[in-house]
Amino acid sequence: MKLEGTLLVVKDMDASRRFYQNVLFRTVVLDLGAYVVFEGGFCLLTEGQWKEFLDNKPVSHGYGNNVCQLGFEDDDMDAFMAHFQKFPEIKQLTPLKEYVWGQRSIRFYDPDGHIIEVGESMTVVVKRFLRSGLSIEETMQKSMYPREFVEMCAQALTNSP
């Protein structure tokens, strides 16, 4: 068995679709009106269609409940943040911050209150540590990533022009 994707229930498909396309650069691979699939395997489904799937049983809507998130990675957080600033209407949950393992990320809400995280890829983080002069061991300790991953990043740095 394999995981096929994540489905988010949305109130306004047009607003949600625009959000994911314009803010997060997602590409639609299938659009059936009430059901939209984006590249990467996550989907949006209208609230009305969701209720039909559940045989119109009462549904407790958990919009904005802060208990799960969709996570995205970007190799250039500075460029993403410059892009993100073009959307002042988006409600932020956390500012851009750096965690103890070195990754920078920001969390904000989509139009229905689902949490979105955009963080640096750990490849970028590990390479940054190595470029700063940290040893393989120091990078492993700080990033909490295994030796094989850190060595792979180090090798990529030595192979790049």
C-alpha atoms as a PDB file:
ATOM      1  CA  MET A   1       0.000   0.000   0.000  1.00  0.00           C
ATOM      2  CA  LYS A   2       1.231   3.500  -0.708  1.00  0.00           C
ATOM      3  CA  LEU A   3       0.085   6.911   0.434  1.00  0.00           C
ATOM      4  CA  GLU A   4      -1.614   8.682  -2.444  1.00  0.00           C
ATOM      5  CA  GLY A   5      -1.894  12.175  -1.004  1.00  0.00           C
ATOM      6  CA  THR A   6      -3.545  14.564   1.386  1.00  0.00           C
ATOM      7  CA  LEU A   7      -6.994  16.058   0.952  1.00  0.00           C
ATOM      8  CA  LEU A   8      -8.048  19.388   2.412  1.00  0.00           C
ATOM      9  CA  VAL A   9     -11.704  20.373   2.646  1.00  0.00           C
ATOM     10  CA  VAL A  10     -12.248  23.984   1.566  1.00  0.00           C
ATOM     11  CA  LYS A  11     -15.121  26.436   1.666  1.00  0.00           C
ATOM     12  CA  ASP A  12     -14.266  28.408  -1.487  1.00  0.00           C
ATOM     13  CA  MET A  13     -12.502  26.382  -4.180  1.00  0.00           C
ATOM     14  CA  ASP A  14     -11.627  29.396  -6.318  1.00  0.00           C
ATOM     15  CA  ALA A  15      -9.964  31.268  -3.447  1.00  0.00           C
ATOM     16  CA  SER A  16      -8.093  28.176  -2.283  1.00  0.00           C
ATOM     17  CA  ARG A  17      -6.941  27.251  -5.751  1.00  0.00           C
ATOM     18  CA  ARG A  18      -5.618  30.792  -6.364  1.00  0.00           C
ATOM     19  CA  PHE A  19      -3.817  30.712  -3.003  1.00  0.00           C
ATOM     20  CA  TYR A  20      -1.962  27.480  -3.748  1.00  0.00           C
ATOM     21  CA  GLN A  21      -1.129  28.527  -7.299  1.00  0.00           C
ATOM     22  CA  ASN A  22      -0.103  32.129  -6.596  1.00  0.00           C
ATOM     23  CA  VAL A  23       1.480  31.937  -3.145  1.00  0.00           C
ATOM     24  CA  LEU A  24       2.998  28.450  -3.227  1.00  0.00           C
ATOM     25  CA  PHE A  25       3.563  28.026  -6.983  1.00  0.00           C
ATOM     26  CA  ARG A  26       1.555  24.765  -7.113  1.00  0.00           C
ATOM     27  CA  THR A  27       0.504  23.367 -10.472  1.00  0.00           C
ATOM     28  CA  VAL A  28      -2.945  21.854 -10.982  1.00  0.00           C
ATOM     29  CA  VAL A  29      -2.762  18.401 -12.561  1.00  0.00           C
ATOM     30  CA  LEU A  30      -6.500  17.614 -12.424  1.00  0.00           C
ATOM     31  CA  ASP A  31      -9.484  19.921 -12.012  1.00  0.00           C
ATOM     32  CA  LEU A  32     -12.925  18.405 -11.622  1.00  0.00           C
ATOM     33  CA  GLY A  33     -14.520  21.555 -10.232  1.00  0.00           C
ATOM     34  CA  ALA A  34     -15.282  20.419  -6.694  1.00  0.00           C
ATOM     35  CA  TYR A  35     -12.050  18.384  -6.607  1.00  0.00           C
ATOM     36  CA  VAL A  36      -8.636  19.784  -7.564  1.00  0.00           C
ATOM     37  CA  VAL A  37      -5.380  17.818  -7.502  1.00  0.00           C
ATOM     38  CA  PHE A  38      -2.046  19.622  -7.352  1.00  0.00           C
ATOM     39  CA  GLU A  39       1.362  18.389  -8.360  1.00  0.00           C
ATOM     40  CA  GLY A  40       2.885  16.679  -5.351  1.00  0.00           C
ATOM     41  CA  GLY A  41      -0.206  14.705  -4.451  1.00  0.00           C
ATOM     42  CA  PHE A  42      -2.341  16.996  -2.347  1.00  0.00           C
ATOM     43  CA  CYS A  43      -5.954  17.757  -3.216  1.00  0.00           C
ATOM     44  CA  LEU A  44      -8.693  20.216  -2.408  1.00  0.00           C
ATOM     45  CA  LEU A  45     -12.323  19.198  -2.086  1.00  0.00           C
ATOM     46  CA  THR A  46     -15.309  21.447  -1.519  1.00  0.00           C
ATOM     47  CA  GLU A  47     -17.116  21.204   1.771  1.00  0.00           C
ATOM     48  CA  GLY A  48     -20.359  20.288   0.017  1.00  0.00           C
ATOM     49  CA  GLN A  49     -18.737  17.388  -1.853  1.00  0.00           C
ATOM     50  CA  TRP A  50     -17.099  16.181   1.375  1.00  0.00           C
ATOM     51  CA  LYS A  51     -20.483  16.044   3.090  1.00  0.00           C
ATOM     52  CA  GLU A  52     -21.839  13.980   0.186  1.00  0.00           C
ATOM     53  CA  PHE A  53     -18.919  11.540   0.491  1.00  0.00           C
ATOM     54  CA  LEU A  54     -19.877  11.058   4.141  1.00  0.00           C
ATOM     55  CA  ASP A  55     -23.508  10.355   3.202  1.00  0.00           C
ATOM     56  CA  ASN A  56     -24.498  13.781   4.529  1.00  0.00           C
ATOM     57  CA  LYS A  57     -23.730  12.790   8.109  1.00  0.00           C
ATOM     58  CA  PRO A  58     -23.045  15.753  10.395  1.00  0.00           C
ATOM     59  CA  VAL A  59     -19.459  16.898  10.097  1.00  0.00           C
ATOM     60  CA  SER A  60     -17.550  18.778  12.750  1.00  0.00           C
ATOM     61  CA  HIS A  61     -15.577  21.357  10.819  1.00  0.00           C
ATOM     62  CA  GLY A  62     -12.114  21.845  12.212  1.00  0.00           C
ATOM     63  CA  TYR A  63     -11.041  24.854  10.219  1.00  0.00           C
ATOM     64  CA  GLY A  64      -8.251  26.746  11.916  1.00  0.00           C
ATOM     65  CA  ASN A  65      -7.771  24.182  14.671  1.00  0.00           C
ATOM     66  CA  ASN A  66      -3.942  24.293  14.574  1.00  0.00           C
ATOM     67  CA  VAL A  67      -3.477  20.523  14.786  1.00  0.00           C
ATOM     68  CA  CYS A  68      -1.888  19.693  11.417  1.00  0.00           C
ATOM     69  CA  GLN A  69      -0.033  21.373   8.589  1.00  0.00           C
ATOM     70  CA  LEU A  70       1.036  21.025   4.994  1.00  0.00           C
ATOM     71  CA  GLY A  71       4.798  21.378   4.747  1.00  0.00           C
ATOM     72  CA  PHE A  72       6.681  22.743   1.754  1.00  0.00           C
ATOM     73  CA  GLU A  73      10.412  23.209   1.255  1.00  0.00           C
ATOM     74  CA  ASP A  74      12.209  25.888  -0.692  1.00  0.00           C
ATOM     75  CA  ASP A  75      15.895  26.121  -1.558  1.00  0.00           C
ATOM     76  CA  ASP A  76      15.865  29.928  -1.350  1.00  0.00           C
ATOM     77  CA  MET A  77      13.960  31.185   1.692  1.00  0.00           C
ATOM     78  CA  ASP A  78      15.029  34.773   1.102  1.00  0.00           C
ATOM     79  CA  ALA A  79      13.441  34.718  -2.364  1.00  0.00           C
ATOM     80  CA  PHE A  80      10.325  33.028  -1.001  1.00  0.00           C
ATOM     81  CA  MET A  81      10.004  35.634   1.764  1.00  0.00           C
ATOM     82  CA  ALA A  82      10.318  38.441  -0.794  1.00  0.00           C
ATOM     83  CA  HIS A  83       7.510  36.764  -2.766  1.00  0.00           C
ATOM     84  CA  PHE A  84       5.435  36.153   0.384  1.00  0.00           C
ATOM     85  CA  GLN A  85       5.551  39.864   1.267  1.00  0.00           C
ATOM     86  CA  LYS A  86       3.395  40.504  -1.824  1.00  0.00           C
ATOM     87  CA  PHE A  87       0.455  38.931   0.049  1.00  0.00           C
ATOM     88  CA  PRO A  88      -0.052  41.070   3.191  1.00  0.00           C
ATOM     89  CA  GLU A  89      -3.585  39.692   3.614  1.00  0.00           C
ATOM     90  CA  ILE A  90      -2.236  36.260   4.581  1.00  0.00           C
ATOM     91  CA  LYS A  91      -2.452  35.666   8.312  1.00  0.00           C
ATOM     92  CA  GLN A  92       0.860  34.489   9.764  1.00  0.00           C
ATOM     93  CA  LEU A  93       1.010  31.961  12.566  1.00  0.00           C
ATOM     94  CA  THR A  94       4.763  32.335  13.174  1.00  0.00           C
ATOM     95  CA  PRO A  95       7.311  34.713  11.699  1.00  0.00           C
ATOM     96  CA  LEU A  96      10.301  33.429   9.759  1.00  0.00           C
ATOM     97  CA  LYS A  97      12.561  31.924  12.378  1.00  0.00           C
ATOM     98  CA  GLU A  98      15.552  29.638  12.638  1.00  0.00           C
ATOM     99  CA  TYR A  99      15.229  26.485  14.703  1.00  0.00           C
ATOM    100  CA  VAL A 100      18.032  24.892  16.743  1.00  0.00           C
ATOM    101  CA  TRP A 101      18.800  22.466  13.888  1.00  0.00           C
ATOM    102  CA  GLY A 102      19.444  25.454  11.587  1.00  0.00           C
ATOM    103  CA  GLN A 103      16.369  25.322   9.371  1.00  0.00           C
ATOM    104  CA  ARG A 104      14.484  28.544   8.771  1.00  0.00           C
ATOM    105  CA  SER A 105      10.720  28.346   8.301  1.00  0.00           C
ATOM    106  CA  ILE A 106       7.533  30.348   8.455  1.00  0.00           C
ATOM    107  CA  ARG A 107       3.986  29.186   9.206  1.00  0.00           C
ATOM    108  CA  PHE A 108       0.824  30.845   7.961  1.00  0.00           C
ATOM    109  CA  TYR A 109      -2.790  30.043   7.166  1.00  0.00           C
ATOM    110  CA  ASP A 110      -4.446  29.237   3.866  1.00  0.00           C
ATOM    111  CA  PRO A 111      -7.891  30.783   3.181  1.00  0.00           C
ATOM    112  CA  ASP A 112      -9.618  28.084   5.282  1.00  0.00           C
ATOM    113  CA  GLY A 113      -7.263  28.247   8.257  1.00  0.00           C
ATOM    114  CA  HIS A 114      -5.164  25.197   7.352  1.00  0.00           C
ATOM    115  CA  ILE A 115      -1.574  25.684   8.512  1.00  0.00           C
ATOM    116  CA  ILE A 116       1.072  25.951   5.820  1.00  0.00           C
ATOM    117  CA  GLU A 117       4.764  25.707   6.633  1.00  0.00           C
ATOM    118  CA  VAL A 118       7.456  26.753   4.191  1.00  0.00           C
ATOM    119  CA  GLY A 119      10.944  25.845   5.311  1.00  0.00           C
ATOM    120  CA  GLU A 120      14.407  25.608   3.874  1.00  0.00           C
ATOM    121  CA  SER A 121      15.393  22.231   2.558  1.00  0.00           C
ATOM    122  CA  MET A 122      17.779  20.486   4.903  1.00  0.00           C
ATOM    123  CA  THR A 123      20.209  20.057   2.022  1.00  0.00           C
ATOM    124  CA  VAL A 124      20.529  23.853   1.920  1.00  0.00           C
ATOM    125  CA  VAL A 125      20.928  24.012   5.714  1.00  0.00           C
ATOM    126  CA  VAL A 126      23.623  21.329   5.854  1.00  0.00           C
ATOM    127  CA  LYS A 127      25.534  22.879   2.955  1.00  0.00           C
ATOM    128  CA  ARG A 128      25.374  26.261   4.699  1.00  0.00           C
ATOM    129  CA  PHE A 129      26.898  24.717   7.850  1.00  0.00           C
ATOM    130  CA  LEU A 130      29.658  23.037   5.861  1.00  0.00           C
ATOM    131  CA  ARG A 131      30.426  26.235   3.903  1.00  0.00           C
ATOM    132  CA  SER A 132      30.687  28.112   7.210  1.00  0.00           C
ATOM    133  CA  GLY A 133      33.542  25.822   8.260  1.00  0.00           C
ATOM    134  CA  LEU A 134      31.753  23.303  10.457  1.00  0.00           C
ATOM    135  CA  SER A 135      33.185  19.795  10.244  1.00  0.00           C
ATOM    136  CA  ILE A 136      31.121  16.767   9.214  1.00  0.00           C
ATOM    137  CA  GLU A 137      30.722  15.838  12.896  1.00  0.00           C
ATOM    138  CA  GLU A 138      29.781  19.370  13.965  1.00  0.00           C
ATOM    139  CA  THR A 139      27.276  19.588  11.115  1.00  0.00           C
ATOM    140  CA  MET A 140      25.767  16.226  12.091  1.00  0.00           C
ATOM    141  CA  GLN A 141      25.392  17.405  15.684  1.00  0.00           C
ATOM    142  CA  LYS A 142      23.905  20.794  14.830  1.00  0.00           C
ATOM    143  CA  SER A 143      21.563  19.607  12.047  1.00  0.00           C
ATOM    144  CA  MET A 144      20.650  16.304  13.748  1.00  0.00           C
ATOM    145  CA  TYR A 145      21.066  14.603  10.353  1.00  0.00           C
ATOM    146  CA  PRO A 146      22.945  11.316   9.861  1.00  0.00           C
ATOM    147  CA  ARG A 147      26.508  11.063   8.584  1.00  0.00           C
ATOM    148  CA  GLU A 148      25.459   9.666   5.184  1.00  0.00           C
ATOM    149  CA  PHE A 149      23.300  12.704   4.446  1.00  0.00           C
ATOM    150  CA  VAL A 150      25.935  15.211   5.616  1.00  0.00           C
ATOM    151  CA  GLU A 151      28.646  13.453   3.612  1.00  0.00           C
ATOM    152  CA  MET A 152      26.421  13.450   0.524  1.00  0.00           C
ATOM    153  CA  CYS A 153      25.981  17.237   0.905  1.00  0.00           C
ATOM    154  CA  ALA A 154      29.716  17.695   1.420  1.00  0.00           C
ATOM    155  CA  GLN A 155      30.409  15.683  -1.738  1.00  0.00           C
ATOM    156  CA  ALA A 156      27.953  17.814  -3.690  1.00  0.00           C
ATOM    157  CA  LEU A 157      29.791  20.932  -2.542  1.00  0.00           C
ATOM    158  CA  THR A 158      33.154  19.587  -3.710  1.00  0.00           C
ATOM    159  CA  ASN A 159      31.658  18.591  -7.080  1.00  0.00           C
ATOM    160  CA  SER A 160      29.996  21.947  -7.742  1.00  0.00           C
ATOM    161  CA  PRO A 161      31.817  24.737  -9.588  1.00  0.00           C
END
